[in-house]
Structure formats: C-alpha cells, structure tokens
Amino acid sequence: ECSQPYPQHGGRHCVGRRTEVKSCNLRPCPVDGKWLPWRDWLACSVSCGIGWSIRRRECSQPYSQHGGRHCVGRRTEVKLCNLRPCPVNGKWLPWSEWPACSVSCGNGQSTRRRECSQPYPQHGGR
C-alpha cells in the first residue's frame, strides 16, 4: 500500500511495483516409485516332478526420485509347477533258478521266470 504516508497536497503516488515475486522451495517434490505389470512366468525348472517357476516386475513406472518411496512389495514371485510325478521305468529282478525238467528223458522243457518289480513301472514308465 502506498499509505505511509498517503500522498497529500499534490504529492505523487508511490513509484514502483506494488508486489515482488521470488522463487522458493526450489527442490523437486518427492516421486514415489510404482510397479510395472508382472512379466510372464518363466518355464518350469523341471519337466516332471515338483519344480518352480518365477516371474518379475520392475519398480520403474516411475522410478522413485527426490526422496520418494521405493515400490512396496516383492520384485519376484515363485510358484510350484509340474506337480505330476515323473515316469518310473520298471527294472527286472534276477531270474529264478531253473526248475527240474518236465521229463526225465526225451524232449522236456524247463521254464524259469523273473519279475519286473524293482521298481514296478509307474506314471507312464515302461
């Protein structure tokens, strides 16, 4: 205000600007980081049996800046995959002993056996 004193008796009003402006608080505001969407799950670590798969995301939408908070939460996730059992191929036990021949003379026959049970085939194994 031009009031100290008011212009009187033909005096002029105040000369110059009525207000001044200056910059302040020049430091940038904090920017909190935000997550990009999750990437696709990677291939399972095994083709059968219990394996794991992983996926990632980046904290760059935007990056945290000027004292802003980093993204909250995990950067990676892990899950179990391929929960089906692996095929198990059977293996033969040793042959049994030869039993006595079917006849004491002439053309006889003797048959011995073995089992496929060490282990038994499982889950599509042979």
C-alpha atoms as a PDB file:
ATOM      1  CA  GLU A   1       0.000   0.000   0.000  1.00  0.00           C
ATOM      2  CA  CYS A   2       1.086   3.479  -0.718  1.00  0.00           C
ATOM      3  CA  SER A   3      -0.057   4.749   2.703  1.00  0.00           C
ATOM      4  CA  GLN A   4       2.996   5.695   4.718  1.00  0.00           C
ATOM      5  CA  PRO A   5       2.076   8.492   4.272  1.00  0.00           C
ATOM      6  CA  TYR A   6      -0.814   8.876   1.832  1.00  0.00           C
ATOM      7  CA  PRO A   7       0.013  11.315  -0.932  1.00  0.00           C
ATOM      8  CA  GLN A   8      -1.245  14.770   0.121  1.00  0.00           C
ATOM      9  CA  HIS A   9      -1.255  18.379  -1.096  1.00  0.00           C
ATOM     10  CA  GLY A  10      -0.413  17.476  -4.677  1.00  0.00           C
ATOM     11  CA  GLY A  11       2.140  14.800  -3.818  1.00  0.00           C
ATOM     12  CA  ARG A  12       2.528  11.874  -6.160  1.00  0.00           C
ATOM     13  CA  HIS A  13       1.504   8.315  -5.574  1.00  0.00           C
ATOM     14  CA  CYS A  14       4.244   5.842  -4.783  1.00  0.00           C
ATOM     15  CA  VAL A  15       6.570   4.999  -7.678  1.00  0.00           C
ATOM     16  CA  GLY A  16       7.447   1.377  -8.487  1.00  0.00           C
ATOM     17  CA  ARG A  17       5.854  -2.018  -8.267  1.00  0.00           C
ATOM     18  CA  ARG A  18       3.334  -2.831  -5.643  1.00  0.00           C
ATOM     19  CA  THR A  19       4.435  -6.513  -5.285  1.00  0.00           C
ATOM     20  CA  GLU A  20       7.563  -8.581  -5.780  1.00  0.00           C
ATOM     21  CA  VAL A  21       7.864 -12.305  -6.524  1.00  0.00           C
ATOM     22  CA  LYS A  22      10.798 -14.589  -5.758  1.00  0.00           C
ATOM     23  CA  SER A  23      11.278 -18.313  -6.290  1.00  0.00           C
ATOM     24  CA  CYS A  24      11.439 -20.511  -3.225  1.00  0.00           C
ATOM     25  CA  ASN A  25      11.448 -24.182  -2.324  1.00  0.00           C
ATOM     26  CA  LEU A  26      13.369 -24.949  -5.494  1.00  0.00           C
ATOM     27  CA  ARG A  27      13.950 -28.580  -4.638  1.00  0.00           C
ATOM     28  CA  PRO A  28      11.750 -31.003  -6.605  1.00  0.00           C
ATOM     29  CA  CYS A  29       8.886 -32.801  -4.908  1.00  0.00           C
ATOM     30  CA  PRO A  30       9.369 -36.474  -3.959  1.00  0.00           C
ATOM     31  CA  VAL A  31       8.159 -39.003  -6.530  1.00  0.00           C
ATOM     32  CA  ASP A  32       7.140 -42.430  -5.249  1.00  0.00           C
ATOM     33  CA  GLY A  33       8.077 -45.437  -7.386  1.00  0.00           C
ATOM     34  CA  LYS A  34       5.336 -47.553  -8.937  1.00  0.00           C
ATOM     35  CA  TRP A  35       5.451 -51.133 -10.263  1.00  0.00           C
ATOM     36  CA  LEU A  36       5.256 -52.071 -13.923  1.00  0.00           C
ATOM     37  CA  PRO A  37       2.928 -55.044 -14.595  1.00  0.00           C
ATOM     38  CA  TRP A  38       4.263 -58.530 -13.802  1.00  0.00           C
ATOM     39  CA  ARG A  39       6.210 -60.232 -16.603  1.00  0.00           C
ATOM     40  CA  ASP A  40       5.129 -63.696 -17.754  1.00  0.00           C
ATOM     41  CA  TRP A  41       6.024 -66.752 -15.677  1.00  0.00           C
ATOM     42  CA  LEU A  42       9.311 -68.373 -16.751  1.00  0.00           C
ATOM     43  CA  ALA A  43       9.360 -72.015 -17.850  1.00  0.00           C
ATOM     44  CA  CYS A  44       9.167 -74.565 -15.051  1.00  0.00           C
ATOM     45  CA  SER A  45      12.533 -75.715 -13.691  1.00  0.00           C
ATOM     46  CA  VAL A  46      11.660 -79.393 -14.359  1.00  0.00           C
ATOM     47  CA  SER A  47       9.526 -81.256 -16.897  1.00  0.00           C
ATOM     48  CA  CYS A  48       8.042 -83.574 -14.266  1.00  0.00           C
ATOM     49  CA  GLY A  49       8.041 -83.810 -10.521  1.00  0.00           C
ATOM     50  CA  ILE A  50       7.858 -80.727  -8.360  1.00  0.00           C
ATOM     51  CA  GLY A  51       9.594 -77.738  -9.872  1.00  0.00           C
ATOM     52  CA  TRP A  52       9.366 -73.975  -9.585  1.00  0.00           C
ATOM     53  CA  SER A  53       8.688 -71.034 -11.839  1.00  0.00           C
ATOM     54  CA  ILE A  54       9.469 -67.370 -11.283  1.00  0.00           C
ATOM     55  CA  ARG A  55       8.207 -64.038 -12.551  1.00  0.00           C
ATOM     56  CA  ARG A  56       9.484 -60.496 -12.043  1.00  0.00           C
ATOM     57  CA  ARG A  57       8.392 -56.902 -12.172  1.00  0.00           C
ATOM     58  CA  GLU A  58      10.269 -53.624 -12.181  1.00  0.00           C
ATOM     59  CA  CYS A  59       9.792 -50.583  -9.974  1.00  0.00           C
ATOM     60  CA  SER A  60      10.202 -48.053 -12.763  1.00  0.00           C
ATOM     61  CA  GLN A  61       6.814 -46.568 -13.595  1.00  0.00           C
ATOM     62  CA  PRO A  62       8.243 -44.162 -12.446  1.00  0.00           C
ATOM     63  CA  TYR A  63      11.449 -44.791 -10.508  1.00  0.00           C
ATOM     64  CA  SER A  64      11.398 -43.262  -7.033  1.00  0.00           C
ATOM     65  CA  GLN A  65      13.072 -39.863  -7.103  1.00  0.00           C
ATOM     66  CA  HIS A  66      13.935 -36.953  -4.848  1.00  0.00           C
ATOM     67  CA  GLY A  67      13.388 -38.869  -1.629  1.00  0.00           C
ATOM     68  CA  GLY A  68      10.181 -40.590  -2.757  1.00  0.00           C
ATOM     69  CA  ARG A  69       9.377 -44.075  -1.511  1.00  0.00           C
ATOM     70  CA  HIS A  70      10.542 -47.169  -3.345  1.00  0.00           C
ATOM     71  CA  CYS A  71       7.800 -49.542  -4.513  1.00  0.00           C
ATOM     72  CA  VAL A  72       6.219 -51.599  -1.745  1.00  0.00           C
ATOM     73  CA  GLY A  73       6.004 -55.357  -2.261  1.00  0.00           C
ATOM     74  CA  ARG A  74       8.074 -58.078  -3.858  1.00  0.00           C
ATOM     75  CA  ARG A  75      10.044 -57.770  -7.061  1.00  0.00           C
ATOM     76  CA  THR A  76       9.813 -61.530  -7.711  1.00  0.00           C
ATOM     77  CA  GLU A  77       7.250 -64.281  -7.165  1.00  0.00           C
ATOM     78  CA  VAL A  78       7.914 -68.025  -7.110  1.00  0.00           C
ATOM     79  CA  LYS A  79       5.347 -70.802  -7.537  1.00  0.00           C
ATOM     80  CA  LEU A  80       5.433 -74.582  -7.683  1.00  0.00           C
ATOM     81  CA  CYS A  81       4.834 -76.169 -11.083  1.00  0.00           C
ATOM     82  CA  ASN A  82       4.682 -79.559 -12.856  1.00  0.00           C
ATOM     83  CA  LEU A  83       3.220 -81.284  -9.859  1.00  0.00           C
ATOM     84  CA  ARG A  84       2.717 -84.519 -11.794  1.00  0.00           C
ATOM     85  CA  PRO A  85       5.118 -87.355 -10.897  1.00  0.00           C
ATOM     86  CA  CYS A  86       7.914 -88.377 -13.246  1.00  0.00           C
ATOM     87  CA  PRO A  87       7.605 -91.695 -15.132  1.00  0.00           C
ATOM     88  CA  VAL A  88       9.343 -94.581 -13.375  1.00  0.00           C
ATOM     89  CA  ASN A  89      10.637 -97.382 -15.583  1.00  0.00           C
ATOM     90  CA  GLY A  90      10.422-100.871 -14.122  1.00  0.00           C
ATOM     91  CA  LYS A  91      13.540-102.994 -13.659  1.00  0.00           C
ATOM     92  CA  TRP A  92      13.845-106.745 -13.736  1.00  0.00           C
ATOM     93  CA  LEU A  93      14.628-108.823 -10.685  1.00  0.00           C
ATOM     94  CA  PRO A  94      17.168-111.604 -11.269  1.00  0.00           C
ATOM     95  CA  TRP A  95      15.996-114.793 -12.965  1.00  0.00           C
ATOM     96  CA  SER A  96      14.685-117.563 -10.751  1.00  0.00           C
ATOM     97  CA  GLU A  97      16.604-120.827 -10.606  1.00  0.00           C
ATOM     98  CA  TRP A  98      15.882-123.364 -13.331  1.00  0.00           C
ATOM     99  CA  PRO A  99      13.305-125.839 -12.099  1.00  0.00           C
ATOM    100  CA  ALA A 100      13.534-129.522 -12.842  1.00  0.00           C
ATOM    101  CA  CYS A 101      12.890-130.603 -16.409  1.00  0.00           C
ATOM    102  CA  SER A 102       9.366-131.675 -17.305  1.00  0.00           C
ATOM    103  CA  VAL A 103      10.596-135.157 -18.283  1.00  0.00           C
ATOM    104  CA  SER A 104      13.481-137.318 -17.188  1.00  0.00           C
ATOM    105  CA  CYS A 105      14.425-138.202 -20.774  1.00  0.00           C
ATOM    106  CA  GLY A 106      13.486-137.189 -24.299  1.00  0.00           C
ATOM    107  CA  ASN A 107      12.402-133.686 -25.194  1.00  0.00           C
ATOM    108  CA  GLY A 108      11.440-131.927 -21.992  1.00  0.00           C
ATOM    109  CA  GLN A 109      11.144-128.331 -21.051  1.00  0.00           C
ATOM    110  CA  SER A 110      12.040-126.151 -18.098  1.00  0.00           C
ATOM    111  CA  THR A 111      10.825-122.585 -17.643  1.00  0.00           C
ATOM    112  CA  ARG A 112      12.184-120.006 -15.277  1.00  0.00           C
ATOM    113  CA  ARG A 113      10.756-116.567 -14.535  1.00  0.00           C
ATOM    114  CA  ARG A 114      11.670-113.096 -13.427  1.00  0.00           C
ATOM    115  CA  GLU A 115       9.568-110.194 -12.177  1.00  0.00           C
ATOM    116  CA  CYS A 116       9.567-106.568 -13.347  1.00  0.00           C
ATOM    117  CA  SER A 117       9.128-105.152  -9.888  1.00  0.00           C
ATOM    118  CA  GLN A 118      12.345-103.453  -8.840  1.00  0.00           C
ATOM    119  CA  PRO A 119      10.544-100.992  -9.041  1.00  0.00           C
ATOM    120  CA  TYR A 120       7.211-101.545 -10.720  1.00  0.00           C
ATOM    121  CA  PRO A 121       6.638 -99.234 -13.716  1.00  0.00           C
ATOM    122  CA  GLN A 122       4.688 -96.144 -12.615  1.00  0.00           C
ATOM    123  CA  HIS A 123       3.286 -92.901 -14.027  1.00  0.00           C
ATOM    124  CA  GLY A 124       3.655 -93.901 -17.667  1.00  0.00           C
ATOM    125  CA  GLY A 125       7.061 -95.589 -17.258  1.00  0.00           C
ATOM    126  CA  ARG A 126       7.899 -98.813 -19.138  1.00  0.00           C
END
